[in-house]
Amino acid sequence: MSADAGTPGGEGADAPVPGPARMAYGIGAVGLVIAMAADFSSVVARHLGHPIHGSIEVVQAAIVFAISAALIGATFAGAHAAVHVITERLPAKVRAPLARLASLLGAVFFAALCVGGLWLLSDTLPGDERTDLLHLPPAPFRLIWAAATAVTAVLFAWRVIRPLPDHAAPDHAS
């Protein structure tokens, strides 16, 4: 059984990671560093008797960047988790259309996430929604998430037309 566990470059971990994926991973790494620094400083300050109010809100905002960038990076690199228990045993002539169908379903899924995010944004935008302590507006973060899901949907749709190279097991049906 082979499984892609999200390693950069997919199943062929030796494959080069595309430039856009590296850039997205870098943005995600910055988001994670900000989240960790905010959380670490909050814990240390709390143990010293000086709690930092609003650190959770900073962590949540930084995580939006990290998750959005990771989603785009994994899609560019073809590194989404996938199990090929059945498809690796199929002939290449059958695997190719199934890969395109999977890409189409991925595009529809992420397009639906984008529409849902934009719908939530449009419902809450007229109000003055803010976080409790730091009064951060969540609208920009919802927009970032919607943009990330839109880019991901477009990348999956592109894979319907131009699929990734087939790295499955050798063709057993010859």
N, C-alpha and C. Protein backbone atom coordinates (compact mmCIF):
# COMPACT_ATOMS: atom_id res chain seq x y z
N MET A 1 0.87 -1.18 0.00
CA MET A 1 0.00 0.00 0.00
C MET A 1 0.90 1.23 0.00
N SER A 2 0.64 2.16 -0.89
CA SER A 2 1.39 3.40 -0.88
C SER A 2 0.48 4.53 -0.49
N ALA A 3 1.02 5.47 0.25
CA ALA A 3 0.21 6.61 0.68
C ALA A 3 1.06 7.85 0.63
N ASP A 4 0.53 8.88 -0.01
CA ASP A 4 1.20 10.18 0.02
C ASP A 4 0.76 10.85 1.31
N ALA A 5 1.68 11.18 2.15
CA ALA A 5 1.33 11.79 3.43
C ALA A 5 1.54 13.28 3.39
N GLY A 6 1.52 13.87 2.22
CA GLY A 6 1.63 15.31 2.14
C GLY A 6 3.06 15.79 2.08
N THR A 7 4.01 14.90 1.75
CA THR A 7 5.39 15.34 1.65
C THR A 7 5.54 16.22 0.43
N PRO A 8 6.36 17.26 0.52
CA PRO A 8 6.54 18.13 -0.63
C PRO A 8 6.99 17.33 -1.83
N GLY A 9 6.30 17.50 -2.93
CA GLY A 9 6.65 16.78 -4.14
C GLY A 9 5.85 15.50 -4.30
N GLY A 10 4.98 15.18 -3.37
CA GLY A 10 4.13 14.01 -3.48
C GLY A 10 4.88 12.73 -3.21
N GLU A 11 4.47 11.66 -3.89
CA GLU A 11 5.01 10.34 -3.64
C GLU A 11 6.49 10.29 -3.94
N GLY A 12 6.93 10.94 -4.99
CA GLY A 12 8.35 10.99 -5.31
C GLY A 12 9.00 12.11 -4.53
N ALA A 13 9.39 11.84 -3.27
CA ALA A 13 9.92 12.88 -2.40
C ALA A 13 11.19 13.50 -2.95
N ASP A 14 11.84 12.79 -3.90
CA ASP A 14 13.06 13.34 -4.50
C ASP A 14 12.74 14.34 -5.60
N ALA A 15 11.49 14.40 -6.00
CA ALA A 15 11.09 15.34 -7.06
C ALA A 15 11.24 16.77 -6.56
N PRO A 16 11.66 17.67 -7.42
CA PRO A 16 11.80 19.07 -7.00
C PRO A 16 10.45 19.70 -6.67
N VAL A 17 10.45 20.54 -5.66
CA VAL A 17 9.23 21.26 -5.26
C VAL A 17 9.15 22.51 -6.12
N PRO A 18 8.01 22.75 -6.79
CA PRO A 18 7.88 23.92 -7.65
C PRO A 18 8.07 25.23 -6.87
N GLY A 19 8.56 26.26 -7.56
CA GLY A 19 8.79 27.56 -6.94
C GLY A 19 7.58 28.15 -6.23
N PRO A 20 6.39 28.13 -6.85
CA PRO A 20 5.22 28.66 -6.14
C PRO A 20 4.92 27.89 -4.84
N ALA A 21 5.16 26.59 -4.85
CA ALA A 21 4.94 25.80 -3.63
C ALA A 21 5.94 26.21 -2.56
N ARG A 22 7.19 26.40 -2.94
CA ARG A 22 8.22 26.83 -1.96
C ARG A 22 7.85 28.18 -1.37
N MET A 23 7.37 29.09 -2.21
CA MET A 23 6.99 30.41 -1.74
C MET A 23 5.80 30.30 -0.76
N ALA A 24 4.82 29.48 -1.11
CA ALA A 24 3.67 29.29 -0.22
C ALA A 24 4.11 28.66 1.09
N TYR A 25 5.00 27.68 1.03
CA TYR A 25 5.50 27.05 2.26
C TYR A 25 6.23 28.08 3.12
N GLY A 26 6.96 29.00 2.49
CA GLY A 26 7.66 30.05 3.24
C GLY A 26 6.69 30.98 3.95
N ILE A 27 5.63 31.38 3.26
CA ILE A 27 4.61 32.23 3.88
C ILE A 27 3.96 31.49 5.04
N GLY A 28 3.65 30.22 4.83
CA GLY A 28 3.07 29.41 5.89
C GLY A 28 4.00 29.28 7.08
N ALA A 29 5.29 29.14 6.81
CA ALA A 29 6.27 29.03 7.89
C ALA A 29 6.31 30.31 8.72
N VAL A 30 6.23 31.46 8.06
CA VAL A 30 6.21 32.73 8.78
C VAL A 30 4.96 32.79 9.68
N GLY A 31 3.81 32.36 9.15
CA GLY A 31 2.59 32.33 9.95
C GLY A 31 2.75 31.43 11.17
N LEU A 32 3.36 30.27 10.98
CA LEU A 32 3.57 29.36 12.11
C LEU A 32 4.54 29.93 13.13
N VAL A 33 5.58 30.59 12.68
CA VAL A 33 6.54 31.20 13.61
C VAL A 33 5.86 32.30 14.43
N ILE A 34 5.03 33.11 13.78
CA ILE A 34 4.30 34.15 14.51
C ILE A 34 3.36 33.52 15.53
N ALA A 35 2.65 32.46 15.13
CA ALA A 35 1.74 31.79 16.05
C ALA A 35 2.50 31.20 17.24
N MET A 36 3.62 30.54 16.96
CA MET A 36 4.39 29.95 18.06
C MET A 36 4.98 31.01 18.97
N ALA A 37 5.49 32.09 18.40
CA ALA A 37 6.06 33.16 19.22
C ALA A 37 5.00 33.80 20.11
N ALA A 38 3.82 34.03 19.55
CA ALA A 38 2.74 34.62 20.35
C ALA A 38 2.32 33.68 21.47
N ASP A 39 2.19 32.42 21.17
CA ASP A 39 1.77 31.45 22.18
C ASP A 39 2.85 31.25 23.23
N PHE A 40 4.10 31.14 22.80
CA PHE A 40 5.22 30.97 23.74
C PHE A 40 5.32 32.16 24.68
N SER A 41 5.28 33.37 24.12
CA SER A 41 5.40 34.55 24.97
C SER A 41 4.22 34.67 25.92
N SER A 42 3.05 34.24 25.49
CA SER A 42 1.88 34.27 26.36
C SER A 42 2.04 33.31 27.53
N VAL A 43 2.53 32.11 27.27
CA VAL A 43 2.73 31.12 28.33
C VAL A 43 3.79 31.60 29.32
N VAL A 44 4.91 32.10 28.81
CA VAL A 44 5.97 32.59 29.69
C VAL A 44 5.47 33.76 30.52
N ALA A 45 4.80 34.70 29.89
CA ALA A 45 4.30 35.86 30.63
C ALA A 45 3.27 35.46 31.68
N ARG A 46 2.43 34.49 31.35
CA ARG A 46 1.43 34.03 32.33
C ARG A 46 2.12 33.40 33.54
N HIS A 47 3.18 32.63 33.32
CA HIS A 47 3.91 32.00 34.43
C HIS A 47 4.69 33.02 35.25
N LEU A 48 5.00 34.14 34.64
CA LEU A 48 5.68 35.21 35.38
C LEU A 48 4.69 36.15 36.07
N GLY A 49 3.40 35.87 35.90
CA GLY A 49 2.38 36.67 36.57
C GLY A 49 1.91 37.88 35.79
N HIS A 50 2.26 37.94 34.50
CA HIS A 50 1.85 39.07 33.66
C HIS A 50 1.21 38.54 32.37
N PRO A 51 -0.05 38.10 32.45
CA PRO A 51 -0.68 37.52 31.26
C PRO A 51 -0.80 38.53 30.12
N ILE A 52 -0.63 38.02 28.92
CA ILE A 52 -0.78 38.84 27.71
C ILE A 52 -2.18 38.58 27.18
N HIS A 53 -3.02 39.57 27.22
CA HIS A 53 -4.39 39.42 26.75
C HIS A 53 -4.45 39.53 25.23
N GLY A 54 -5.19 38.63 24.62
CA GLY A 54 -5.37 38.66 23.17
C GLY A 54 -4.39 37.80 22.39
N SER A 55 -3.53 37.08 23.08
CA SER A 55 -2.54 36.27 22.34
C SER A 55 -3.22 35.18 21.52
N ILE A 56 -4.33 34.65 22.00
CA ILE A 56 -5.06 33.62 21.25
C ILE A 56 -5.54 34.21 19.92
N GLU A 57 -5.97 35.45 19.93
CA GLU A 57 -6.44 36.08 18.70
C GLU A 57 -5.29 36.24 17.69
N VAL A 58 -4.12 36.55 18.18
CA VAL A 58 -2.94 36.66 17.31
C VAL A 58 -2.61 35.29 16.71
N VAL A 59 -2.67 34.25 17.56
CA VAL A 59 -2.40 32.89 17.08
C VAL A 59 -3.42 32.50 16.01
N GLN A 60 -4.68 32.77 16.25
CA GLN A 60 -5.72 32.42 15.28
C GLN A 60 -5.51 33.15 13.95
N ALA A 61 -5.15 34.41 14.01
CA ALA A 61 -4.92 35.18 12.77
C ALA A 61 -3.70 34.62 12.02
N ALA A 62 -2.64 34.29 12.75
CA ALA A 62 -1.44 33.75 12.10
C ALA A 62 -1.71 32.39 11.49
N ILE A 63 -2.55 31.61 12.13
CA ILE A 63 -2.87 30.28 11.62
C ILE A 63 -3.63 30.36 10.29
N VAL A 64 -4.42 31.40 10.10
CA VAL A 64 -5.12 31.57 8.82
C VAL A 64 -4.09 31.66 7.69
N PHE A 65 -3.02 32.42 7.91
CA PHE A 65 -1.96 32.54 6.90
C PHE A 65 -1.28 31.19 6.69
N ALA A 66 -0.97 30.51 7.79
CA ALA A 66 -0.26 29.24 7.70
C ALA A 66 -1.09 28.19 6.95
N ILE A 67 -2.35 28.07 7.31
CA ILE A 67 -3.21 27.06 6.69
C ILE A 67 -3.47 27.40 5.22
N SER A 68 -3.73 28.66 4.93
CA SER A 68 -3.99 29.06 3.55
C SER A 68 -2.77 28.82 2.67
N ALA A 69 -1.61 29.18 3.17
CA ALA A 69 -0.38 28.97 2.40
C ALA A 69 -0.08 27.48 2.23
N ALA A 70 -0.30 26.70 3.28
CA ALA A 70 -0.05 25.26 3.18
C ALA A 70 -0.99 24.61 2.17
N LEU A 71 -2.23 25.05 2.14
CA LEU A 71 -3.20 24.51 1.18
C LEU A 71 -2.74 24.78 -0.25
N ILE A 72 -2.34 26.00 -0.51
CA ILE A 72 -1.88 26.36 -1.86
C ILE A 72 -0.57 25.64 -2.19
N GLY A 73 0.35 25.62 -1.24
CA GLY A 73 1.64 24.95 -1.47
C GLY A 73 1.48 23.47 -1.75
N ALA A 74 0.65 22.80 -0.97
CA ALA A 74 0.43 21.37 -1.18
C ALA A 74 -0.22 21.10 -2.53
N THR A 75 -1.09 21.99 -2.96
CA THR A 75 -1.75 21.80 -4.25
C THR A 75 -0.76 22.01 -5.40
N PHE A 76 0.06 23.05 -5.30
CA PHE A 76 1.09 23.27 -6.34
C PHE A 76 2.04 22.09 -6.42
N ALA A 77 2.42 21.53 -5.27
CA ALA A 77 3.40 20.45 -5.24
C ALA A 77 2.78 19.09 -5.52
N GLY A 78 1.45 19.03 -5.58
CA GLY A 78 0.79 17.74 -5.77
C GLY A 78 0.98 16.85 -4.54
N ALA A 79 0.95 17.46 -3.37
CA ALA A 79 1.29 16.75 -2.14
C ALA A 79 0.11 16.54 -1.20
N HIS A 80 -1.09 16.55 -1.71
CA HIS A 80 -2.24 16.25 -0.85
C HIS A 80 -2.22 14.77 -0.49
N ALA A 81 -2.70 14.45 0.68
CA ALA A 81 -2.74 13.06 1.11
C ALA A 81 -3.62 12.25 0.16
N ALA A 82 -3.11 11.10 -0.24
CA ALA A 82 -3.85 10.23 -1.14
C ALA A 82 -3.42 8.79 -0.90
N VAL A 83 -4.36 7.90 -0.94
CA VAL A 83 -4.07 6.47 -0.81
C VAL A 83 -4.38 5.83 -2.16
N HIS A 84 -3.44 5.04 -2.63
CA HIS A 84 -3.54 4.46 -3.98
C HIS A 84 -3.70 2.94 -3.94
N VAL A 85 -4.37 2.41 -2.93
CA VAL A 85 -4.49 0.97 -2.77
C VAL A 85 -5.12 0.32 -3.99
N ILE A 86 -6.17 0.92 -4.50
CA ILE A 86 -6.87 0.33 -5.64
C ILE A 86 -6.31 0.87 -6.95
N THR A 87 -6.12 2.17 -7.04
CA THR A 87 -5.73 2.76 -8.34
C THR A 87 -4.35 2.32 -8.80
N GLU A 88 -3.43 1.98 -7.89
CA GLU A 88 -2.10 1.57 -8.35
C GLU A 88 -2.15 0.21 -9.05
N ARG A 89 -3.21 -0.54 -8.85
CA ARG A 89 -3.34 -1.86 -9.48
C ARG A 89 -4.09 -1.80 -10.82
N LEU A 90 -4.59 -0.64 -11.16
CA LEU A 90 -5.34 -0.48 -12.40
C LEU A 90 -4.41 -0.17 -13.56
N PRO A 91 -4.84 -0.49 -14.76
CA PRO A 91 -4.03 -0.12 -15.93
C PRO A 91 -3.95 1.40 -16.07
N ALA A 92 -2.90 1.87 -16.70
CA ALA A 92 -2.69 3.31 -16.87
C ALA A 92 -3.86 3.96 -17.62
N LYS A 93 -4.48 3.22 -18.55
CA LYS A 93 -5.61 3.77 -19.31
C LYS A 93 -6.80 4.06 -18.42
N VAL A 94 -6.91 3.37 -17.30
CA VAL A 94 -8.01 3.58 -16.36
C VAL A 94 -7.60 4.61 -15.30
N ARG A 95 -6.34 4.57 -14.88
CA ARG A 95 -5.85 5.50 -13.85
C ARG A 95 -5.96 6.95 -14.29
N ALA A 96 -5.66 7.25 -15.54
CA ALA A 96 -5.66 8.63 -16.02
C ALA A 96 -7.04 9.29 -15.91
N PRO A 97 -8.10 8.64 -16.40
CA PRO A 97 -9.42 9.28 -16.24
C PRO A 97 -9.84 9.40 -14.77
N LEU A 98 -9.46 8.43 -13.95
CA LEU A 98 -9.80 8.52 -12.53
C LEU A 98 -9.05 9.68 -11.86
N ALA A 99 -7.81 9.91 -12.28
CA ALA A 99 -7.06 11.05 -11.74
C ALA A 99 -7.72 12.36 -12.13
N ARG A 100 -8.20 12.43 -13.37
CA ARG A 100 -8.90 13.64 -13.81
C ARG A 100 -10.22 13.83 -13.06
N LEU A 101 -10.92 12.73 -12.82
CA LEU A 101 -12.16 12.81 -12.05
C LEU A 101 -11.87 13.28 -10.62
N ALA A 102 -10.81 12.76 -10.02
CA ALA A 102 -10.43 13.19 -8.68
C ALA A 102 -10.09 14.67 -8.66
N SER A 103 -9.41 15.15 -9.68
CA SER A 103 -9.09 16.58 -9.77
C SER A 103 -10.35 17.42 -9.93
N LEU A 104 -11.28 16.93 -10.74
CA LEU A 104 -12.55 17.64 -10.92
C LEU A 104 -13.31 17.72 -9.59
N LEU A 105 -13.37 16.61 -8.87
CA LEU A 105 -14.05 16.61 -7.57
C LEU A 105 -13.33 17.52 -6.57
N GLY A 106 -12.00 17.55 -6.63
CA GLY A 106 -11.25 18.48 -5.77
C GLY A 106 -11.57 19.93 -6.11
N ALA A 107 -11.67 20.23 -7.40
CA ALA A 107 -12.00 21.60 -7.81
C ALA A 107 -13.39 21.99 -7.33
N VAL A 108 -14.34 21.08 -7.45
CA VAL A 108 -15.71 21.37 -7.00
C VAL A 108 -15.73 21.56 -5.49
N PHE A 109 -15.03 20.70 -4.76
CA PHE A 109 -14.99 20.80 -3.30
C PHE A 109 -14.43 22.14 -2.85
N PHE A 110 -13.27 22.53 -3.40
CA PHE A 110 -12.65 23.78 -2.96
C PHE A 110 -13.41 25.00 -3.47
N ALA A 111 -14.07 24.89 -4.61
CA ALA A 111 -14.93 25.98 -5.06
C ALA A 111 -16.11 26.15 -4.10
N ALA A 112 -16.65 25.04 -3.61
CA ALA A 112 -17.75 25.12 -2.65
C ALA A 112 -17.26 25.75 -1.34
N LEU A 113 -16.06 25.40 -0.90
CA LEU A 113 -15.50 26.04 0.30
C LEU A 113 -15.33 27.54 0.09
N CYS A 114 -14.88 27.93 -1.09
CA CYS A 114 -14.71 29.35 -1.41
C CYS A 114 -16.06 30.07 -1.38
N VAL A 115 -17.06 29.49 -2.02
CA VAL A 115 -18.39 30.10 -2.04
C VAL A 115 -18.93 30.22 -0.62
N GLY A 116 -18.77 29.18 0.18
CA GLY A 116 -19.22 29.23 1.57
C GLY A 116 -18.52 30.31 2.37
N GLY A 117 -17.21 30.43 2.17
CA GLY A 117 -16.45 31.47 2.86
C GLY A 117 -16.87 32.87 2.44
N LEU A 118 -17.10 33.05 1.14
CA LEU A 118 -17.55 34.35 0.66
C LEU A 118 -18.97 34.67 1.13
N TRP A 119 -19.79 33.64 1.24
CA TRP A 119 -21.15 33.81 1.74
C TRP A 119 -21.11 34.26 3.20
N LEU A 120 -20.28 33.61 3.99
CA LEU A 120 -20.12 34.01 5.39
C LEU A 120 -19.59 35.44 5.47
N LEU A 121 -18.62 35.75 4.63
CA LEU A 121 -18.06 37.10 4.61
C LEU A 121 -19.13 38.13 4.25
N SER A 122 -19.95 37.85 3.24
CA SER A 122 -20.97 38.81 2.82
C SER A 122 -22.06 38.99 3.89
N ASP A 123 -22.34 37.92 4.64
CA ASP A 123 -23.33 38.03 5.71
C ASP A 123 -22.84 38.86 6.89
N THR A 124 -21.54 38.81 7.15
CA THR A 124 -21.01 39.50 8.33
C THR A 124 -20.36 40.84 8.01
N LEU A 125 -20.14 41.12 6.73
CA LEU A 125 -19.44 42.35 6.36
C LEU A 125 -20.20 43.63 6.72
N PRO A 126 -21.52 43.69 6.55
CA PRO A 126 -22.20 44.94 6.88
C PRO A 126 -22.08 45.34 8.36
N GLY A 127 -21.92 44.37 9.24
CA GLY A 127 -21.77 44.68 10.66
C GLY A 127 -20.33 45.06 10.98
N ASP A 128 -20.12 45.45 12.19
CA ASP A 128 -18.77 45.81 12.63
C ASP A 128 -18.24 44.71 13.55
N GLU A 129 -18.12 43.51 12.98
CA GLU A 129 -17.66 42.36 13.76
C GLU A 129 -16.17 42.54 14.09
N ARG A 130 -15.84 42.32 15.33
CA ARG A 130 -14.45 42.43 15.81
C ARG A 130 -14.20 41.32 16.83
N THR A 131 -12.92 40.98 17.01
CA THR A 131 -12.59 40.02 18.06
C THR A 131 -12.76 40.69 19.41
N ASP A 132 -12.86 39.88 20.45
CA ASP A 132 -13.21 40.39 21.78
C ASP A 132 -12.14 41.29 22.40
N LEU A 133 -10.88 40.89 22.36
CA LEU A 133 -9.85 41.63 23.10
C LEU A 133 -9.07 42.62 22.26
N LEU A 134 -8.59 42.19 21.12
CA LEU A 134 -7.76 43.07 20.28
C LEU A 134 -8.57 43.83 19.24
N HIS A 135 -9.84 43.50 19.13
CA HIS A 135 -10.75 44.16 18.18
C HIS A 135 -10.27 44.05 16.74
N LEU A 136 -9.73 42.87 16.39
CA LEU A 136 -9.30 42.62 15.01
C LEU A 136 -10.53 42.30 14.16
N PRO A 137 -10.61 42.87 12.98
CA PRO A 137 -11.74 42.52 12.10
C PRO A 137 -11.48 41.16 11.43
N PRO A 138 -12.41 40.22 11.51
CA PRO A 138 -12.17 38.92 10.88
C PRO A 138 -12.36 38.91 9.36
N ALA A 139 -12.93 39.96 8.80
CA ALA A 139 -13.19 39.99 7.35
C ALA A 139 -11.93 39.78 6.51
N PRO A 140 -10.80 40.43 6.81
CA PRO A 140 -9.62 40.18 5.97
C PRO A 140 -9.15 38.72 6.02
N PHE A 141 -9.30 38.09 7.17
CA PHE A 141 -8.87 36.71 7.31
C PHE A 141 -9.81 35.77 6.56
N ARG A 142 -11.09 36.09 6.55
CA ARG A 142 -12.05 35.30 5.76
C ARG A 142 -11.78 35.47 4.28
N LEU A 143 -11.38 36.68 3.88
CA LEU A 143 -11.06 36.93 2.48
C LEU A 143 -9.79 36.16 2.07
N ILE A 144 -8.80 36.12 2.94
CA ILE A 144 -7.58 35.35 2.66
C ILE A 144 -7.93 33.88 2.48
N TRP A 145 -8.77 33.34 3.37
CA TRP A 145 -9.16 31.93 3.27
C TRP A 145 -9.94 31.69 1.97
N ALA A 146 -10.85 32.59 1.63
CA ALA A 146 -11.62 32.43 0.39
C ALA A 146 -10.69 32.48 -0.82
N ALA A 147 -9.71 33.36 -0.80
CA ALA A 147 -8.75 33.44 -1.91
C ALA A 147 -7.94 32.15 -2.01
N ALA A 148 -7.53 31.61 -0.88
CA ALA A 148 -6.75 30.36 -0.88
C ALA A 148 -7.56 29.20 -1.44
N THR A 149 -8.83 29.11 -1.05
CA THR A 149 -9.66 28.03 -1.58
C THR A 149 -9.97 28.24 -3.06
N ALA A 150 -10.09 29.50 -3.49
CA ALA A 150 -10.31 29.78 -4.91
C ALA A 150 -9.09 29.38 -5.73
N VAL A 151 -7.90 29.74 -5.26
CA VAL A 151 -6.67 29.36 -5.97
C VAL A 151 -6.56 27.84 -6.04
N THR A 152 -6.88 27.17 -4.94
CA THR A 152 -6.81 25.71 -4.91
C THR A 152 -7.80 25.10 -5.88
N ALA A 153 -9.01 25.64 -5.95
CA ALA A 153 -10.01 25.14 -6.90
C ALA A 153 -9.52 25.31 -8.34
N VAL A 154 -8.91 26.45 -8.62
CA VAL A 154 -8.39 26.69 -9.98
C VAL A 154 -7.25 25.71 -10.29
N LEU A 155 -6.38 25.46 -9.32
CA LEU A 155 -5.27 24.52 -9.55
C LEU A 155 -5.79 23.11 -9.80
N PHE A 156 -6.81 22.69 -9.04
CA PHE A 156 -7.39 21.37 -9.29
C PHE A 156 -8.08 21.34 -10.65
N ALA A 157 -8.77 22.41 -11.01
CA ALA A 157 -9.42 22.47 -12.33
C ALA A 157 -8.37 22.40 -13.45
N TRP A 158 -7.24 23.04 -13.24
CA TRP A 158 -6.16 22.99 -14.22
C TRP A 158 -5.66 21.56 -14.39
N ARG A 159 -5.65 20.79 -13.28
CA ARG A 159 -5.19 19.39 -13.33
C ARG A 159 -6.17 18.49 -14.07
N VAL A 160 -7.39 18.95 -14.26
CA VAL A 160 -8.32 18.17 -15.09
C VAL A 160 -7.81 18.22 -16.53
N ILE A 161 -7.30 19.39 -16.93
CA ILE A 161 -6.81 19.58 -18.29
C ILE A 161 -5.38 19.04 -18.43
N ARG A 162 -4.54 19.34 -17.45
CA ARG A 162 -3.13 18.93 -17.48
C ARG A 162 -2.80 18.17 -16.20
N PRO A 163 -3.07 16.87 -16.15
CA PRO A 163 -2.84 16.11 -14.92
C PRO A 163 -1.36 16.00 -14.57
N LEU A 164 -1.12 15.71 -13.29
CA LEU A 164 0.25 15.46 -12.83
C LEU A 164 0.74 14.16 -13.46
N PRO A 165 2.07 14.00 -13.57
CA PRO A 165 2.60 12.72 -14.08
C PRO A 165 2.16 11.57 -13.17
N ASP A 166 1.93 10.42 -13.76
CA ASP A 166 1.48 9.25 -13.03
C ASP A 166 2.68 8.57 -12.38
N HIS A 167 2.73 8.60 -11.04
CA HIS A 167 3.82 7.95 -10.30
C HIS A 167 3.34 6.67 -9.65
N ALA A 168 2.25 6.11 -10.14
CA ALA A 168 1.70 4.89 -9.55
C ALA A 168 2.59 3.70 -9.87
N ALA A 169 2.23 2.59 -9.32
CA ALA A 169 2.98 1.34 -9.53
C ALA A 169 3.00 1.00 -11.02
N PRO A 170 3.94 0.16 -11.43
CA PRO A 170 4.00 -0.24 -12.84
C PRO A 170 2.68 -0.87 -13.28
N ASP A 171 2.42 -0.78 -14.55
CA ASP A 171 1.17 -1.29 -15.12
C ASP A 171 1.15 -2.81 -15.02
N HIS A 172 0.25 -3.35 -14.15
CA HIS A 172 0.17 -4.81 -13.94
C HIS A 172 -0.74 -5.48 -14.95
N ALA A 173 -1.50 -4.72 -15.71
CA ALA A 173 -2.50 -5.31 -16.59
C ALA A 173 -1.96 -5.55 -18.01
N SER A 174 -0.66 -5.46 -18.21
CA SER A 174 -0.11 -5.63 -19.56
C SER A 174 -0.20 -7.05 -20.00
